C-alpha atoms as a PDB file:
ATOM      1  CA  MET A   1     -11.355  19.898  22.320  1.00  0.00           C
ATOM      2  CA  ASN A   2     -12.145  16.737  24.094  1.00  0.00           C
ATOM      3  CA  LYS A   3     -13.911  14.693  21.404  1.00  0.00           C
ATOM      4  CA  PHE A   4     -13.882  13.743  18.037  1.00  0.00           C
ATOM      5  CA  ARG A   5     -17.464  14.275  15.928  1.00  0.00           C
ATOM      6  CA  LYS A   6     -16.704  11.333  13.682  1.00  0.00           C
ATOM      7  CA  LEU A   7     -13.436   9.168  13.403  1.00  0.00           C
ATOM      8  CA  VAL A   8     -12.851   6.380  10.861  1.00  0.00           C
ATOM      9  CA  ALA A   9     -10.360   3.836  10.810  1.00  0.00           C
ATOM     10  CA  ILE A  10      -9.617   3.423   6.914  1.00  0.00           C
ATOM     11  CA  GLU A  11      -8.299   0.267   7.320  1.00  0.00           C
ATOM     12  CA  PRO A  12      -7.338  -2.542  10.017  1.00  0.00           C
ATOM     13  CA  ALA A  13      -5.929  -0.717  12.557  1.00  0.00           C
ATOM     14  CA  GLY A  14      -4.610  -3.137  14.713  1.00  0.00           C
ATOM     15  CA  LEU A  15      -5.978  -2.104  18.078  1.00  0.00           C
ATOM     16  CA  LEU A  16      -6.733  -4.562  20.618  1.00  0.00           C
ATOM     17  CA  PRO A  17     -10.823  -4.208  21.853  1.00  0.00           C
ATOM     18  CA  ASP A  18     -10.184  -2.355  24.967  1.00  0.00           C
ATOM     19  CA  ALA A  19      -8.678   0.448  22.750  1.00  0.00           C
ATOM     20  CA  VAL A  20     -11.088   0.036  20.313  1.00  0.00           C
ATOM     21  CA  LYS A  21     -13.931   0.676  23.036  1.00  0.00           C
ATOM     22  CA  ARG A  22     -11.876   3.217  24.167  1.00  0.00           C
ATOM     23  CA  LEU A  23     -12.480   5.187  21.215  1.00  0.00           C
ATOM     24  CA  TYR A  24     -15.729   5.018  21.440  1.00  0.00           C
ATOM     25  CA  ASP A  25     -15.646   7.745  24.366  1.00  0.00           C
ATOM     26  CA  LEU A  26     -13.096   9.298  22.523  1.00  0.00           C
ATOM     27  CA  ALA A  27     -15.579  10.151  19.306  1.00  0.00           C
ATOM     28  CA  GLY A  28     -19.396  10.958  18.650  1.00  0.00           C
ATOM     29  CA  GLU A  29     -19.484   8.292  15.816  1.00  0.00           C
ATOM     30  CA  VAL A  30     -16.830   5.393  15.214  1.00  0.00           C
ATOM     31  CA  VAL A  31     -16.728   3.739  11.860  1.00  0.00           C
ATOM     32  CA  PHE A  32     -14.076   0.848  11.057  1.00  0.00           C
ATOM     33  CA  TYR A  33     -13.499  -0.319   7.637  1.00  0.00           C
ATOM     34  CA  ASN A  34     -11.684  -3.970   7.396  1.00  0.00           C
ATOM     35  CA  ASP A  35     -10.209  -4.281   4.059  1.00  0.00           C
ATOM     36  CA  ILE A  36      -7.475  -1.479   2.490  1.00  0.00           C
ATOM     37  CA  PRO A  37      -8.353   1.051   0.363  1.00  0.00           C
ATOM     38  CA  GLN A  38      -6.839   0.733  -3.278  1.00  0.00           C
ATOM     39  CA  ASP A  39      -6.504   4.072  -4.642  1.00  0.00           C
ATOM     40  CA  ASP A  40      -7.138   7.610  -3.474  1.00  0.00           C
ATOM     41  CA  LYS A  41     -10.553   8.046  -4.448  1.00  0.00           C
ATOM     42  CA  GLU A  42     -11.357   5.618  -1.893  1.00  0.00           C
ATOM     43  CA  VAL A  43      -9.593   6.879   0.715  1.00  0.00           C
ATOM     44  CA  ALA A  44     -11.162   9.851   0.634  1.00  0.00           C
ATOM     45  CA  ARG A  45     -14.636   8.422   0.030  1.00  0.00           C
ATOM     46  CA  ARG A  46     -14.385   6.890   3.559  1.00  0.00           C
ATOM     47  CA  ILE A  47     -12.601   9.645   5.351  1.00  0.00           C
ATOM     48  CA  GLY A  48     -15.797  11.605   4.138  1.00  0.00           C
ATOM     49  CA  ASP A  49     -16.305  14.782   6.808  1.00  0.00           C
ATOM     50  CA  ALA A  50     -15.074  12.531   9.328  1.00  0.00           C
ATOM     51  CA  ASP A  51     -12.080  15.200  11.461  1.00  0.00           C
ATOM     52  CA  ALA A  52      -9.925  11.932  12.396  1.00  0.00           C
ATOM     53  CA  VAL A  53      -9.029   9.106  10.282  1.00  0.00           C
ATOM     54  CA  LEU A  54      -6.723   6.143  11.365  1.00  0.00           C
ATOM     55  CA  LEU A  55      -4.667   3.852   9.303  1.00  0.00           C
ATOM     56  CA  SER A  56      -2.195   1.819   9.096  1.00  0.00           C
ATOM     57  CA  TYR A  57       1.127   1.330   7.812  1.00  0.00           C
ATOM     58  CA  THR A  58      -0.644  -1.098   4.075  1.00  0.00           C
ATOM     59  CA  SER A  59      -2.505   2.473   3.400  1.00  0.00           C
ATOM     60  CA  SER A  60      -1.736   5.744   2.166  1.00  0.00           C
ATOM     61  CA  ILE A  61      -2.907   9.242   2.522  1.00  0.00           C
ATOM     62  CA  THR A  62      -2.318  11.642  -0.202  1.00  0.00           C
ATOM     63  CA  ALA A  63      -2.178  15.431  -0.809  1.00  0.00           C
ATOM     64  CA  ALA A  64      -5.002  14.508  -3.198  1.00  0.00           C
ATOM     65  CA  ALA A  65      -7.043  12.385  -0.879  1.00  0.00           C
ATOM     66  CA  MET A  66      -6.963  14.944   1.777  1.00  0.00           C
ATOM     67  CA  SER A  67      -8.121  17.984  -0.257  1.00  0.00           C
ATOM     68  CA  GLU A  68     -11.183  16.076  -0.493  1.00  0.00           C
ATOM     69  CA  CYS A  69     -11.989  16.132   2.880  1.00  0.00           C
ATOM     70  CA  ARG A  70     -12.776  19.594   4.463  1.00  0.00           C
ATOM     71  CA  GLU A  71     -13.290  18.619   7.742  1.00  0.00           C
ATOM     72  CA  LEU A  72     -10.352  16.434   8.485  1.00  0.00           C
ATOM     73  CA  LYS A  73      -8.774  17.554  11.368  1.00  0.00           C
ATOM     74  CA  TYR A  74      -6.420  14.830  12.690  1.00  0.00           C
ATOM     75  CA  ILE A  75      -4.968  11.595  11.124  1.00  0.00           C
ATOM     76  CA  GLY A  76      -3.447   9.365  13.512  1.00  0.00           C
ATOM     77  CA  MET A  77      -0.798   6.692  12.242  1.00  0.00           C
ATOM     78  CA  CYS A  78      -0.861   3.259  13.688  1.00  0.00           C
ATOM     79  CA  CYS A  79       2.574   2.572  12.208  1.00  0.00           C
ATOM     80  CA  SER A  80       5.933   4.285  12.684  1.00  0.00           C
ATOM     81  CA  LEU A  81       6.345   7.907  11.693  1.00  0.00           C
ATOM     82  CA  TYR A  82      10.022   8.726  11.786  1.00  0.00           C
ATOM     83  CA  SER A  83      10.182  11.411   9.542  1.00  0.00           C
ATOM     84  CA  PRO A  84       7.542  12.923   6.399  1.00  0.00           C
ATOM     85  CA  ASP A  85       9.875  11.900   3.594  1.00  0.00           C
ATOM     86  CA  SER A  86       9.522   8.162   4.741  1.00  0.00           C
ATOM     87  CA  ALA A  87       5.997   8.451   6.141  1.00  0.00           C
ATOM     88  CA  ASN A  88       2.905   7.341   4.311  1.00  0.00           C
ATOM     89  CA  VAL A  89       0.807  10.425   5.232  1.00  0.00           C
ATOM     90  CA  ASP A  90       1.648  13.503   2.732  1.00  0.00           C
ATOM     91  CA  ILE A  91       2.690  15.598   6.440  1.00  0.00           C
ATOM     92  CA  ARG A  92       3.733  18.609   4.756  1.00  0.00           C
ATOM     93  CA  TYR A  93       0.304  18.927   2.638  1.00  0.00           C
ATOM     94  CA  ALA A  94      -1.227  18.022   6.069  1.00  0.00           C
ATOM     95  CA  GLU A  95       0.782  20.765   8.614  1.00  0.00           C
ATOM     96  CA  SER A  96      -0.088  23.346   5.816  1.00  0.00           C
ATOM     97  CA  HIS A  97      -3.212  22.214   5.796  1.00  0.00           C
ATOM     98  CA  GLY A  98      -3.969  22.394   9.517  1.00  0.00           C
ATOM     99  CA  ILE A  99      -4.093  18.731   9.944  1.00  0.00           C
ATOM    100  CA  THR A 100      -2.284  17.340  13.037  1.00  0.00           C
ATOM    101  CA  VAL A 101      -0.654  13.685  12.399  1.00  0.00           C
ATOM    102  CA  THR A 102       0.919  11.489  15.290  1.00  0.00           C
ATOM    103  CA  GLY A 103       2.474   8.331  14.616  1.00  0.00           C
ATOM    104  CA  ILE A 104       4.207   6.350  17.288  1.00  0.00           C
ATOM    105  CA  ARG A 105       7.539   4.335  16.898  1.00  0.00           C
ATOM    106  CA  ASP A 106       9.272   1.224  18.902  1.00  0.00           C
ATOM    107  CA  TYR A 107       6.146  -1.128  19.039  1.00  0.00           C
ATOM    108  CA  GLY A 108       7.347  -4.312  17.392  1.00  0.00           C
ATOM    109  CA  ASP A 109      10.905  -3.644  17.787  1.00  0.00           C
ATOM    110  CA  GLU A 110      11.387  -7.308  19.779  1.00  0.00           C
ATOM    111  CA  GLY A 111      10.077  -9.238  17.061  1.00  0.00           C
ATOM    112  CA  VAL A 112      11.774  -7.947  14.241  1.00  0.00           C
ATOM    113  CA  VAL A 113      15.216  -8.983  16.267  1.00  0.00           C
ATOM    114  CA  GLU A 114      14.190 -12.475  17.327  1.00  0.00           C
ATOM    115  CA  TYR A 115      13.418 -12.889  13.405  1.00  0.00           C
ATOM    116  CA  ALA A 116      16.737 -11.469  12.316  1.00  0.00           C
ATOM    117  CA  VAL A 117      18.345 -14.117  14.924  1.00  0.00           C
ATOM    118  CA  SER A 118      16.498 -16.680  14.237  1.00  0.00           C
ATOM    119  CA  GLU A 119      16.997 -16.719  10.518  1.00  0.00           C
ATOM    120  CA  LEU A 120      20.804 -16.513  10.530  1.00  0.00           C
ATOM    121  CA  VAL A 121      21.574 -19.268  13.234  1.00  0.00           C
ATOM    122  CA  ARG A 122      19.298 -21.576  10.991  1.00  0.00           C
ATOM    123  CA  CYS A 123      21.175 -20.198   7.775  1.00  0.00           C
ATOM    124  CA  LEU A 124      24.801 -20.931   9.828  1.00  0.00           C
ATOM    125  CA  HIS A 125      24.162 -23.589  11.485  1.00  0.00           C
ATOM    126  CA  GLY A 126      22.329 -25.797   8.632  1.00  0.00           C
ATOM    127  CA  PHE A 127      18.712 -26.069  10.486  1.00  0.00           C
ATOM    128  CA  GLY A 128      16.969 -27.310   7.777  1.00  0.00           C
ATOM    129  CA  GLN A 129      19.221 -26.281   4.963  1.00  0.00           C
ATOM    130  CA  LYS A 130      22.700 -26.179   4.204  1.00  0.00           C
ATOM    131  CA  PRO A 131      25.606 -24.645   6.249  1.00  0.00           C
ATOM    132  CA  TRP A 132      26.271 -21.370   4.802  1.00  0.00           C
ATOM    133  CA  TYR A 133      29.863 -22.358   5.140  1.00  0.00           C
ATOM    134  CA  GLY A 134      29.507 -25.741   4.485  1.00  0.00           C
ATOM    135  CA  PHE A 135      29.700 -26.621   7.689  1.00  0.00           C
ATOM    136  CA  PRO A 136      27.856 -25.846  11.175  1.00  0.00           C
ATOM    137  CA  ARG A 137      28.851 -22.323  12.413  1.00  0.00           C
ATOM    138  CA  GLU A 138      27.985 -19.979  15.561  1.00  0.00           C
ATOM    139  CA  ILE A 139      27.571 -15.906  15.203  1.00  0.00           C
ATOM    140  CA  THR A 140      30.896 -15.592  17.089  1.00  0.00           C
ATOM    141  CA  GLY A 141      33.344 -14.035  15.154  1.00  0.00           C
ATOM    142  CA  LEU A 142      30.999 -13.233  12.048  1.00  0.00           C
ATOM    143  CA  ARG A 143      31.566  -9.908  10.709  1.00  0.00           C
ATOM    144  CA  THR A 144      28.135  -7.904  11.015  1.00  0.00           C
ATOM    145  CA  GLY A 145      27.062  -4.503   9.123  1.00  0.00           C
ATOM    146  CA  PHE A 146      24.244  -2.339   9.615  1.00  0.00           C
ATOM    147  CA  LEU A 147      23.300   0.341   7.594  1.00  0.00           C
ATOM    148  CA  GLY A 148      21.379   2.753  10.064  1.00  0.00           C
ATOM    149  CA  LEU A 149      21.838   2.195  14.363  1.00  0.00           C
ATOM    150  CA  GLY A 150      18.660   3.416  14.695  1.00  0.00           C
ATOM    151  CA  LYS A 151      16.299   1.699  17.986  1.00  0.00           C
ATOM    152  CA  SER A 152      15.623  -1.564  15.587  1.00  0.00           C
ATOM    153  CA  GLY A 153      19.055  -1.839  13.908  1.00  0.00           C
ATOM    154  CA  GLY A 154      20.859  -0.865  17.656  1.00  0.00           C
ATOM    155  CA  MET A 155      19.153  -3.892  19.020  1.00  0.00           C
ATOM    156  CA  ILE A 156      19.876  -6.303  16.473  1.00  0.00           C
ATOM    157  CA  ALA A 157      23.540  -4.991  16.520  1.00  0.00           C
ATOM    158  CA  ASP A 158      23.103  -5.279  20.594  1.00  0.00           C
ATOM    159  CA  ALA A 159      22.285  -8.811  20.103  1.00  0.00           C
ATOM    160  CA  MET A 160      24.828  -9.960  17.389  1.00  0.00           C
ATOM    161  CA  LYS A 161      27.643  -8.634  20.074  1.00  0.00           C
ATOM    162  CA  PHE A 162      26.032 -10.826  22.468  1.00  0.00           C
ATOM    163  CA  PHE A 163      26.859 -13.855  20.779  1.00  0.00           C
ATOM    164  CA  GLY A 164      30.107 -12.790  20.028  1.00  0.00           C
ATOM    165  CA  ALA A 165      30.079 -11.018  16.571  1.00  0.00           C
ATOM    166  CA  ASP A 166      32.134  -8.314  15.154  1.00  0.00           C
ATOM    167  CA  VAL A 167      29.689  -4.542  14.600  1.00  0.00           C
ATOM    168  CA  SER A 168      30.242  -2.344  12.251  1.00  0.00           C
ATOM    169  CA  TYR A 169      27.946   0.251  11.170  1.00  0.00           C
ATOM    170  CA  PHE A 170      27.013   3.409   8.655  1.00  0.00           C
ATOM    171  CA  ALA A 171      24.895   6.167   9.579  1.00  0.00           C
ATOM    172  CA  ARG A 172      24.473   9.789   9.085  1.00  0.00           C
ATOM    173  CA  SER A 173      26.366  10.128  12.684  1.00  0.00           C
ATOM    174  CA  GLU A 174      28.578   8.531  14.364  1.00  0.00           C
ATOM    175  CA  LYS A 175      26.958   7.449  17.858  1.00  0.00           C
ATOM    176  CA  ARG A 176      28.924   8.029  21.219  1.00  0.00           C
ATOM    177  CA  GLN A 177      26.616   5.122  22.805  1.00  0.00           C
ATOM    178  CA  ALA A 178      27.522   2.702  19.845  1.00  0.00           C
ATOM    179  CA  ALA A 179      31.262   3.633  20.443  1.00  0.00           C
ATOM    180  CA  GLU A 180      31.205   2.714  23.917  1.00  0.00           C
ATOM    181  CA  LYS A 181      30.337  -1.205  22.819  1.00  0.00           C
ATOM    182  CA  GLY A 182      33.211  -1.107  20.605  1.00  0.00           C
ATOM    183  CA  TYR A 183      30.869  -0.828  17.053  1.00  0.00           C
ATOM    184  CA  ARG A 184      32.709   0.373  14.246  1.00  0.00           C
ATOM    185  CA  PHE A 185      31.276   3.846  12.584  1.00  0.00           C
ATOM    186  CA  MET A 186      32.532   3.440   8.738  1.00  0.00           C
ATOM    187  CA  SER A 187      31.574   4.674   5.604  1.00  0.00           C
ATOM    188  CA  LEU A 188      29.190   2.738   3.170  1.00  0.00           C
ATOM    189  CA  ASP A 189      31.678   1.591   1.495  1.00  0.00           C
ATOM    190  CA  GLY A 190      33.879  -0.007   4.132  1.00  0.00           C
ATOM    191  CA  VAL A 191      30.717  -2.094   5.905  1.00  0.00           C
ATOM    192  CA  LEU A 192      29.707  -3.197   2.815  1.00  0.00           C
ATOM    193  CA  GLU A 193      33.224  -4.250   1.965  1.00  0.00           C
ATOM    194  CA  THR A 194      34.156  -5.672   5.165  1.00  0.00           C
ATOM    195  CA  SER A 195      30.938  -7.602   6.256  1.00  0.00           C
ATOM    196  CA  ASP A 196      29.913 -11.266   5.774  1.00  0.00           C
ATOM    197  CA  VAL A 197      26.234 -10.188   7.289  1.00  0.00           C
ATOM    198  CA  VAL A 198      24.208  -6.986   6.035  1.00  0.00           C
ATOM    199  CA  PHE A 199      21.501  -5.672   8.146  1.00  0.00           C
ATOM    200  CA  CYS A 200      19.189  -2.772   6.296  1.00  0.00           C
ATOM    201  CA  CYS A 201      17.845  -1.090   8.724  1.00  0.00           C
ATOM    202  CA  LEU A 202      16.390   2.013   7.410  1.00  0.00           C
ATOM    203  CA  ASN A 203      13.403   4.255   7.147  1.00  0.00           C
ATOM    204  CA  LYS A 204      11.106   3.719   4.492  1.00  0.00           C
ATOM    205  CA  ASN A 205      11.866   4.733   0.985  1.00  0.00           C
ATOM    206  CA  THR A 206      15.818   5.110   2.088  1.00  0.00           C
ATOM    207  CA  VAL A 207      17.500   3.666  -1.056  1.00  0.00           C
ATOM    208  CA  LEU A 208      21.628   3.049   0.195  1.00  0.00           C
ATOM    209  CA  ILE A 209      22.602   0.068  -2.096  1.00  0.00           C
ATOM    210  CA  HIS A 210      23.317   0.653  -6.231  1.00  0.00           C
ATOM    211  CA  GLU A 211      25.584  -0.316  -7.847  1.00  0.00           C
ATOM    212  CA  ASP A 212      28.534  -0.293  -7.092  1.00  0.00           C
ATOM    213  CA  GLY A 213      27.797  -0.444  -3.730  1.00  0.00           C
ATOM    214  CA  PHE A 214      26.423  -4.368  -4.639  1.00  0.00           C
ATOM    215  CA  ARG A 215      29.845  -4.677  -6.340  1.00  0.00           C
ATOM    216  CA  LYS A 216      31.519  -3.698  -3.145  1.00  0.00           C
ATOM    217  CA  LEU A 217      29.508  -6.232  -0.879  1.00  0.00           C
ATOM    218  CA  GLY A 218      30.907  -8.952  -3.077  1.00  0.00           C
ATOM    219  CA  ASP A 219      30.178 -12.569  -3.101  1.00  0.00           C
ATOM    220  CA  HIS A 220      29.218 -15.048  -0.704  1.00  0.00           C
ATOM    221  CA  LYS A 221      27.080 -12.406   1.730  1.00  0.00           C
ATOM    222  CA  ILE A 222      24.092 -12.751   3.637  1.00  0.00           C
ATOM    223  CA  LEU A 223      21.816  -9.447   2.952  1.00  0.00           C
ATOM    224  CA  PHE A 224      19.001  -8.857   5.886  1.00  0.00           C
ATOM    225  CA  ASN A 225      16.483  -6.218   4.654  1.00  0.00           C
ATOM    226  CA  THR A 226      13.952  -5.512   8.139  1.00  0.00           C
ATOM    227  CA  GLY A 227      12.953  -1.992   6.640  1.00  0.00           C
ATOM    228  CA  LEU A 228       9.448  -1.527   4.950  1.00  0.00           C
ATOM    229  CA  SER A 229      11.055  -1.111   1.502  1.00  0.00           C
ATOM    230  CA  PRO A 230      13.773  -1.978  -0.446  1.00  0.00           C
ATOM    231  CA  ALA A 231      17.249  -0.436   0.496  1.00  0.00           C
ATOM    232  CA  TRP A 232      18.191  -1.172  -2.909  1.00  0.00           C
ATOM    233  CA  ASP A 233      17.915  -0.674  -6.715  1.00  0.00           C
ATOM    234  CA  GLU A 234      16.496  -3.929  -8.100  1.00  0.00           C
ATOM    235  CA  GLU A 235      18.113  -4.281 -11.111  1.00  0.00           C
ATOM    236  CA  PRO A 236      21.664  -4.640  -9.450  1.00  0.00           C
ATOM    237  CA  PHE A 237      20.427  -6.409  -6.564  1.00  0.00           C
ATOM    238  CA  LEU A 238      18.883  -9.157  -9.074  1.00  0.00           C
ATOM    239  CA  LYS A 239      22.525  -9.340 -10.503  1.00  0.00           C
ATOM    240  CA  TRP A 240      23.854  -9.655  -7.144  1.00  0.00           C
ATOM    241  CA  LEU A 241      21.284 -12.300  -6.463  1.00  0.00           C
ATOM    242  CA  GLU A 242      22.706 -14.968  -9.221  1.00  0.00           C
ATOM    243  CA  GLY A 243      25.662 -14.933  -7.500  1.00  0.00           C
ATOM    244  CA  ASP A 244      26.315 -16.968  -3.976  1.00  0.00           C
ATOM    245  CA  ASN A 245      24.614 -15.402  -2.458  1.00  0.00           C
ATOM    246  CA  LEU A 246      21.620 -14.816   0.223  1.00  0.00           C
ATOM    247  CA  CYS A 247      18.772 -12.138   1.191  1.00  0.00           C
ATOM    248  CA  PHE A 248      16.309 -12.142   3.861  1.00  0.00           C
ATOM    249  CA  CYS A 249      13.058 -10.255   3.773  1.00  0.00           C
ATOM    250  CA  ASP A 250      10.084 -10.773   6.177  1.00  0.00           C
ATOM    251  CA  THR A 251       7.982  -8.883   3.934  1.00  0.00           C
ATOM    252  CA  LEU A 252       6.874  -8.178   0.394  1.00  0.00           C
ATOM    253  CA  MET A 253       7.534  -4.679   1.153  1.00  0.00           C
ATOM    254  CA  ALA A 254      10.797  -5.091   2.472  1.00  0.00           C
ATOM    255  CA  LEU A 255      12.032  -7.192  -0.552  1.00  0.00           C
ATOM    256  CA  GLY A 256      10.048  -5.026  -3.540  1.00  0.00           C
ATOM    257  CA  GLY A 257       7.727  -7.562  -4.713  1.00  0.00           C
ATOM    258  CA  SER A 258       6.321 -11.182  -5.049  1.00  0.00           C
ATOM    259  CA  HIS A 259       7.421 -11.043  -8.565  1.00  0.00           C
ATOM    260  CA  LEU A 260      11.081 -11.499  -6.721  1.00  0.00           C
ATOM    261  CA  ALA A 261       9.718 -14.050  -3.514  1.00  0.00           C
ATOM    262  CA  ASP A 262      10.614 -17.666  -5.578  1.00  0.00           C
ATOM    263  CA  HIS A 263      14.225 -16.325  -6.163  1.00  0.00           C
ATOM    264  CA  PRO A 264      16.501 -19.405  -5.196  1.00  0.00           C
ATOM    265  CA  ASN A 265      18.782 -16.946  -3.449  1.00  0.00           C
ATOM    266  CA  VAL A 266      15.660 -15.434  -1.662  1.00  0.00           C
ATOM    267  CA  ARG A 267      14.168 -16.549   2.093  1.00  0.00           C
ATOM    268  CA  CYS A 268      11.359 -14.220   2.406  1.00  0.00           C
ATOM    269  CA  MET A 269       8.396 -15.306   4.994  1.00  0.00           C
ATOM    270  CA  ASN A 270       5.735 -13.045   3.988  1.00  0.00           C
ATOM    271  CA  VAL A 271       5.511 -12.251   7.740  1.00  0.00           C
ATOM    272  CA  SER A 272       5.456  -9.394   9.374  1.00  0.00           C
ATOM    273  CA  SER A 273       8.138 -10.520  12.125  1.00  0.00           C
ATOM    274  CA  GLY A 274       6.983  -7.122  14.533  1.00  0.00           C
ATOM    275  CA  ARG A 275       3.418  -7.917  14.476  1.00  0.00           C
ATOM    276  CA  THR A 276       3.245 -10.384  17.694  1.00  0.00           C
ATOM    277  CA  SER A 277       0.535 -10.349  20.620  1.00  0.00           C
ATOM    278  CA  GLN A 278       3.060  -7.455  22.981  1.00  0.00           C
ATOM    279  CA  SER A 279       3.633  -5.649  19.764  1.00  0.00           C
ATOM    280  CA  TYR A 280      -0.067  -4.550  19.370  1.00  0.00           C
ATOM    281  CA  VAL A 281      -0.396  -4.056  22.726  1.00  0.00           C
ATOM    282  CA  ARG A 282       2.271  -1.332  22.694  1.00  0.00           C
ATOM    283  CA  LEU A 283       1.086   0.098  19.845  1.00  0.00           C
ATOM    284  CA  SER A 284      -2.721   0.012  20.828  1.00  0.00           C
ATOM    285  CA  ASP A 285      -0.992   2.003  24.329  1.00  0.00           C
ATOM    286  CA  LYS A 286       0.695   4.492  22.269  1.00  0.00           C
ATOM    287  CA  VAL A 287      -2.129   5.001  18.938  1.00  0.00           C
ATOM    288  CA  LEU A 288      -4.487   5.907  22.222  1.00  0.00           C
ATOM    289  CA  ALA A 289      -1.922   7.991  24.493  1.00  0.00           C
ATOM    290  CA  ASN A 290      -1.638  10.496  20.808  1.00  0.00           C
ATOM    291  CA  ILE A 291      -5.347  10.613  20.438  1.00  0.00           C
ATOM    292  CA  GLU A 292      -5.774  11.589  23.948  1.00  0.00           C
ATOM    293  CA  SER A 293      -2.749  14.098  24.267  1.00  0.00           C
ATOM    294  CA  TYR A 294      -4.445  15.623  21.015  1.00  0.00           C
ATOM    295  CA  LEU A 295      -7.780  16.146  22.795  1.00  0.00           C
ATOM    296  CA  GLY A 296      -6.515  17.300  25.793  1.00  0.00           C
ATOM    297  CA  VAL A 297      -8.019  14.527  28.030  1.00  0.00           C
END
């Protein structure tokens, strides 16, 4: 196979114009939709008889939608794919029905790091707000803890280390490179109890902070979430927010919804900090590389 019969982007895929032009060389027919489908029925209608489909992180393709699309052979995720459980495509159903799913990684991490550093510096120094500790202070000596130390988490940790922060982390296993940098591997409770600032850098739909975790985190703490979904249970999170605490999220998806955005202790820009001009270049290149590899061109 060296060309799709019909390729459909069921929503804006974030591809640059040159990448879009290349798609017309890789498919007999190309269809783009410029809005987000609202339900499985609309997703299936848009895919129709296509043998290939593209989507971003703002939509999902479920088993129910795929079951209506008999010609579908390839799904290109124009967003991160880390595991079947965190994906916005039913990977297991696709695999069991001969549908190949590809995704990308590490295309928007640089912007996320800059967001985290920027917001933390503004908070600590009091730029446009009261200094968090009453008097401007540096990141130097700050106790920072990380839940998840993958690519983006590791990059934020490196930035914190550069500015002189103490770094600890909780992950599924200890990481040799982190140990070489002096980062301390700790239990989840240990990170929550000993950190001034906690960065949640987890895969989508991974929830680690429950009611007991918020008790251990305690008061006068700062919580960042740079993932695509909340890393906590909402009820104890709301209770924790009533204390002298702050939560930073760049998107409503990370926060848990618009109903939380106006809370006085929430700082949510409702902008994906990883969506930079450079990230679109990386995204486009990686999506095209996946397609060309699948087609063998």
